[in-house]
Amino acid sequence: MRRVMVMNSKGGSGKTTIATNLAAYYASRGHGTVLYDYDPQASSSTWLKARRQQPGVAHIEGHEAYHQSLGSVTRSWLLRVPTGTDRIVLDTPSGVRGQDMADLVKRVDTIIIPVQPSPVDIRAASDFIRDLLLIGKVRSYPVRVAVVANRVRKRTLGFRLLQRFLQSLNIPFVALLRDTQNYVQAAEYGLGVHELNTRTIDVDLKSWRPLLDWIEREPETERAQMVRRVAMPRA
């Protein structure tokens, strides 16, 4: 089973977009998929409601986890999922810090951090990664962490700043997702971009491939090596 959490304390980084597209991809490939929505804004839950109106799409089980405080949600509750589930995706709220962050980290084996190409987002991501390593205690658990550049437009100053930031990390940078209306269209109908049928979708499918491959990578020894390599961003 894979338990993937999309996390960044900065609001508007695109956590829900990545979480819902991951869930849609896994479900459309025949995986038993559960999407946990920890964000009180309920964006993932709203997306799931739209999805249930679409005929013929793969089923995704949804849990509105924001109804329960993080401190009272036990690991056994998280693992109480339908028989046949082999992919769990967690969409988290902005502003997660302290013990709430540490509690969530213990429940997953993979963390994806989306970062947008702007000075504000880059500074916030740097602070968040520091907190994740120190407070979230990523080094203490067999958790793999990677960064995804989100809503990117190349040949912009923001993208050049983001490139420099990503090069300063010892955390893997695994994918670059472009800024496109395909995600807006997919979200409207509760779909993932992998489920769209448009002429421009090939570019986006190719950009997702490195992220999907990285999440599925084995073995456990690789995961242990990743924990040892994780380090704070350079000053």
Protein backbone atom coordinates (compact mmCIF):
# COMPACT_ATOMS: atom_id res chain seq x y z
CA MET A 1 0.00 0.00 0.00
CA ARG A 2 1.17 3.54 -0.78
CA ARG A 3 0.22 6.42 1.53
CA VAL A 4 0.99 9.73 -0.17
CA MET A 5 0.52 13.08 1.55
CA VAL A 6 0.53 16.40 -0.31
CA MET A 7 1.70 19.04 2.13
CA ASN A 8 2.80 22.68 2.32
CA SER A 9 1.92 25.17 5.03
CA LYS A 10 1.48 27.88 2.38
CA GLY A 11 -2.06 28.27 1.09
CA GLY A 12 -2.61 28.32 -2.67
CA SER A 13 0.38 26.13 -3.50
CA GLY A 14 -1.77 23.64 -5.39
CA LYS A 15 -2.02 20.83 -2.83
CA THR A 16 -5.59 19.91 -3.75
CA THR A 17 -4.81 19.90 -7.48
CA ILE A 18 -1.97 17.43 -7.00
CA ALA A 19 -3.85 15.30 -4.45
CA THR A 20 -6.98 14.95 -6.58
CA ASN A 21 -5.02 14.25 -9.76
CA LEU A 22 -2.99 11.59 -7.97
CA ALA A 23 -6.16 9.96 -6.66
CA ALA A 24 -7.81 10.09 -10.09
CA TYR A 25 -4.74 8.57 -11.75
CA TYR A 26 -4.55 5.67 -9.31
CA ALA A 27 -8.29 4.96 -9.47
CA SER A 28 -8.32 5.07 -13.28
CA ARG A 29 -5.49 2.51 -13.30
CA GLY A 30 -7.50 0.06 -11.24
CA HIS A 31 -6.09 0.79 -7.79
CA GLY A 32 -8.41 0.81 -4.80
CA THR A 33 -8.02 4.49 -3.87
CA VAL A 34 -9.02 6.51 -0.81
CA LEU A 35 -8.74 10.32 -0.65
CA TYR A 36 -8.49 11.87 2.82
CA ASP A 37 -9.44 15.54 2.98
CA TYR A 38 -7.91 17.18 6.07
CA ASP A 39 -8.56 20.73 4.84
CA PRO A 40 -11.63 22.49 6.37
CA GLN A 41 -12.09 24.27 3.02
CA ALA A 42 -13.15 20.82 1.76
CA SER A 43 -11.86 21.37 -1.78
CA SER A 44 -11.04 17.70 -2.29
CA SER A 45 -14.42 16.67 -0.93
CA THR A 46 -16.15 19.11 -3.29
CA TRP A 47 -14.14 17.65 -6.17
CA LEU A 48 -15.27 14.16 -5.20
CA LYS A 49 -18.91 15.25 -5.19
CA ALA A 50 -18.50 16.51 -8.75
CA ARG A 51 -16.82 13.25 -9.70
CA ARG A 52 -19.75 11.19 -8.48
CA GLN A 53 -21.92 12.94 -11.07
CA GLN A 54 -19.77 11.66 -13.92
CA PRO A 55 -20.85 8.34 -15.43
CA GLY A 56 -18.27 5.65 -15.97
CA VAL A 57 -15.37 7.12 -13.97
CA ALA A 58 -13.40 4.99 -11.52
CA HIS A 59 -14.58 5.11 -7.92
CA ILE A 60 -12.58 6.96 -5.26
CA GLU A 61 -13.52 6.52 -1.62
CA GLY A 62 -13.54 9.83 0.25
CA HIS A 63 -13.02 10.65 3.93
CA GLU A 64 -13.79 14.13 5.26
CA ALA A 65 -11.02 13.92 7.84
CA TYR A 66 -11.24 17.64 8.69
CA HIS A 67 -14.26 16.84 10.90
CA GLN A 68 -11.91 15.29 13.44
CA SER A 69 -8.98 17.03 15.10
CA LEU A 70 -5.63 15.71 14.00
CA GLY A 71 -4.53 14.88 17.54
CA SER A 72 -7.46 12.49 18.05
CA VAL A 73 -7.11 10.68 14.72
CA THR A 74 -5.22 7.49 15.44
CA ARG A 75 -3.18 5.48 12.99
CA SER A 76 -5.63 2.60 13.39
CA TRP A 77 -8.44 4.93 12.23
CA LEU A 78 -6.41 5.89 9.17
CA LEU A 79 -5.81 2.26 8.34
CA ARG A 80 -9.52 1.43 8.63
CA VAL A 81 -10.09 1.60 4.92
CA PRO A 82 -12.16 -0.52 2.52
CA THR A 83 -10.90 -3.97 1.59
CA GLY A 84 -8.86 -3.81 -1.57
CA THR A 85 -7.45 -0.32 -0.94
CA ASP A 86 -3.84 -0.02 -2.02
CA ARG A 87 -3.47 3.76 -2.57
CA ILE A 88 -4.21 6.43 0.04
CA VAL A 89 -3.83 10.13 -0.78
CA LEU A 90 -3.98 12.84 1.89
CA ASP A 91 -4.81 16.46 1.10
CA THR A 92 -3.72 18.70 3.98
CA PRO A 93 -4.66 22.24 5.01
CA SER A 94 -2.40 25.27 4.98
CA GLY A 95 -0.81 26.33 8.24
CA VAL A 96 -0.07 22.83 9.54
CA ARG A 97 2.61 23.12 12.21
CA GLY A 98 3.85 21.65 15.45
CA GLN A 99 2.32 18.44 16.75
CA ASP A 100 -0.30 18.32 13.98
CA MET A 101 2.52 18.18 11.44
CA ALA A 102 4.33 15.45 13.36
CA ASP A 103 1.11 13.40 13.70
CA LEU A 104 0.48 13.51 9.96
CA VAL A 105 4.05 12.60 9.04
CA LYS A 106 3.77 9.38 11.06
CA ARG A 107 0.81 8.22 8.97
CA VAL A 108 2.40 8.22 5.51
CA ASP A 109 5.39 6.87 3.63
CA THR A 110 5.62 9.60 0.98
CA ILE A 111 5.31 13.40 1.17
CA ILE A 112 4.96 15.62 -1.89
CA ILE A 113 5.64 19.36 -1.43
CA PRO A 114 4.24 21.58 -4.19
CA VAL A 115 6.00 24.93 -4.67
CA GLN A 116 4.95 27.73 -7.01
CA PRO A 117 7.45 30.02 -8.77
CA SER A 118 7.14 33.23 -6.77
CA PRO A 119 9.41 34.81 -4.13
CA VAL A 120 6.67 34.56 -1.50
CA ASP A 121 6.04 30.88 -2.20
CA ILE A 122 9.75 30.07 -2.28
CA ARG A 123 10.38 31.71 1.10
CA ALA A 124 7.37 29.95 2.59
CA ALA A 125 8.50 26.61 1.18
CA SER A 126 11.98 27.07 2.65
CA ASP A 127 10.47 27.69 6.10
CA PHE A 128 8.08 24.77 5.73
CA ILE A 129 10.80 22.31 4.73
CA ARG A 130 12.85 23.42 7.73
CA ASP A 131 9.88 22.82 10.04
CA LEU A 132 9.09 19.51 8.39
CA LEU A 133 12.60 18.25 9.05
CA LEU A 134 12.89 19.61 12.58
CA ILE A 135 9.35 19.54 13.99
CA GLY A 136 7.83 16.94 11.69
CA LYS A 137 10.86 14.72 12.41
CA VAL A 138 10.99 13.30 8.89
CA ARG A 139 14.40 11.84 9.65
CA SER A 140 12.87 9.75 12.46
CA TYR A 141 10.48 7.87 10.18
CA PRO A 142 10.88 5.94 6.89
CA VAL A 143 9.28 8.80 4.93
CA ARG A 144 10.34 9.83 1.44
CA VAL A 145 10.05 13.53 0.60
CA ALA A 146 10.10 15.25 -2.78
CA VAL A 147 9.36 18.69 -4.20
CA VAL A 148 7.14 19.40 -7.22
CA ALA A 149 7.31 22.71 -9.07
CA ASN A 150 3.67 23.63 -9.63
CA ARG A 151 1.85 26.04 -11.99
CA VAL A 152 5.06 26.83 -13.78
CA ARG A 153 5.52 29.16 -16.72
CA LYS A 154 8.98 28.84 -18.17
CA ARG A 155 11.05 31.80 -19.30
CA THR A 156 9.86 33.92 -16.38
CA LEU A 157 11.80 35.48 -13.49
CA GLY A 158 9.75 33.47 -11.03
CA PHE A 159 10.76 30.22 -12.70
CA ARG A 160 14.46 31.18 -12.61
CA LEU A 161 14.15 31.95 -8.89
CA LEU A 162 12.44 28.62 -8.32
CA GLN A 163 15.17 26.78 -10.22
CA ARG A 164 17.84 28.30 -7.96
CA PHE A 165 15.84 27.35 -4.88
CA LEU A 166 15.36 23.76 -6.01
CA GLN A 167 19.06 23.42 -6.78
CA SER A 168 19.82 24.45 -3.19
CA LEU A 169 17.92 21.49 -1.74
CA ASN A 170 19.07 17.99 -0.95
CA ILE A 171 15.43 16.90 -1.20
CA PRO A 172 14.63 15.49 -4.66
CA PHE A 173 12.91 17.74 -7.18
CA VAL A 174 10.90 15.21 -9.17
CA ALA A 175 8.47 17.01 -11.47
CA LEU A 176 7.54 20.29 -13.12
CA LEU A 177 3.82 20.83 -13.71
CA ARG A 178 2.85 23.64 -16.03
CA ASP A 179 0.24 26.35 -15.56
CA THR A 180 -2.61 25.24 -17.82
CA GLN A 181 -6.39 25.36 -18.03
CA ASN A 182 -6.44 21.59 -18.32
CA TYR A 183 -6.35 21.38 -14.51
CA VAL A 184 -9.21 23.86 -14.21
CA GLN A 185 -11.28 21.88 -16.68
CA ALA A 186 -10.56 18.58 -14.93
CA ALA A 187 -11.39 19.99 -11.48
CA GLU A 188 -14.76 21.30 -12.66
CA TYR A 189 -15.93 17.77 -13.44
CA GLY A 190 -14.17 15.91 -10.66
CA LEU A 191 -11.61 14.41 -13.01
CA GLY A 192 -7.85 14.19 -13.25
CA VAL A 193 -5.90 15.44 -16.23
CA HIS A 194 -5.15 11.81 -17.08
CA GLU A 195 -8.87 11.34 -17.68
CA LEU A 196 -9.30 14.27 -20.06
CA ASN A 197 -9.55 13.87 -23.81
CA THR A 198 -8.01 17.04 -25.24
CA ARG A 199 -5.33 17.68 -27.85
CA THR A 200 -3.06 19.45 -25.36
CA ILE A 201 -3.05 16.75 -22.70
CA ASP A 202 0.09 14.88 -23.88
CA VAL A 203 2.40 17.56 -22.47
CA ASP A 204 0.81 17.26 -19.04
CA LEU A 205 0.83 13.46 -19.06
CA LYS A 206 4.56 13.53 -19.79
CA SER A 207 5.20 16.01 -16.96
CA TRP A 208 3.44 13.72 -14.46
CA ARG A 209 5.45 10.64 -15.38
CA PRO A 210 8.57 11.41 -13.27
CA LEU A 211 6.46 12.07 -10.17
CA LEU A 212 4.43 8.88 -10.57
CA ASP A 213 7.56 6.83 -11.19
CA TRP A 214 9.26 8.31 -8.12
CA ILE A 215 6.31 7.55 -5.84
CA GLU A 216 6.19 3.94 -6.98
CA ARG A 217 9.92 3.41 -6.70
CA GLU A 218 11.17 0.61 -4.53
CA PRO A 219 12.82 -0.98 -2.54
CA GLU A 220 12.85 -0.21 1.18
CA THR A 221 16.60 0.29 1.03
CA GLU A 222 16.10 3.21 -1.36
CA ARG A 223 13.63 4.71 1.10
CA ALA A 224 16.11 4.44 3.96
CA GLN A 225 18.81 6.08 1.84
CA MET A 226 16.46 8.95 1.06
CA VAL A 227 15.86 9.65 4.77
CA ARG A 228 19.60 9.83 5.37
CA ARG A 229 20.09 12.23 2.45
CA VAL A 230 17.36 14.70 3.48
CA ALA A 231 18.90 17.92 4.76
CA MET A 232 17.90 21.49 5.47
CA PRO A 233 18.06 24.00 2.60
CA ARG A 234 21.38 25.73 2.32
CA ALA A 235 21.48 29.32 3.51
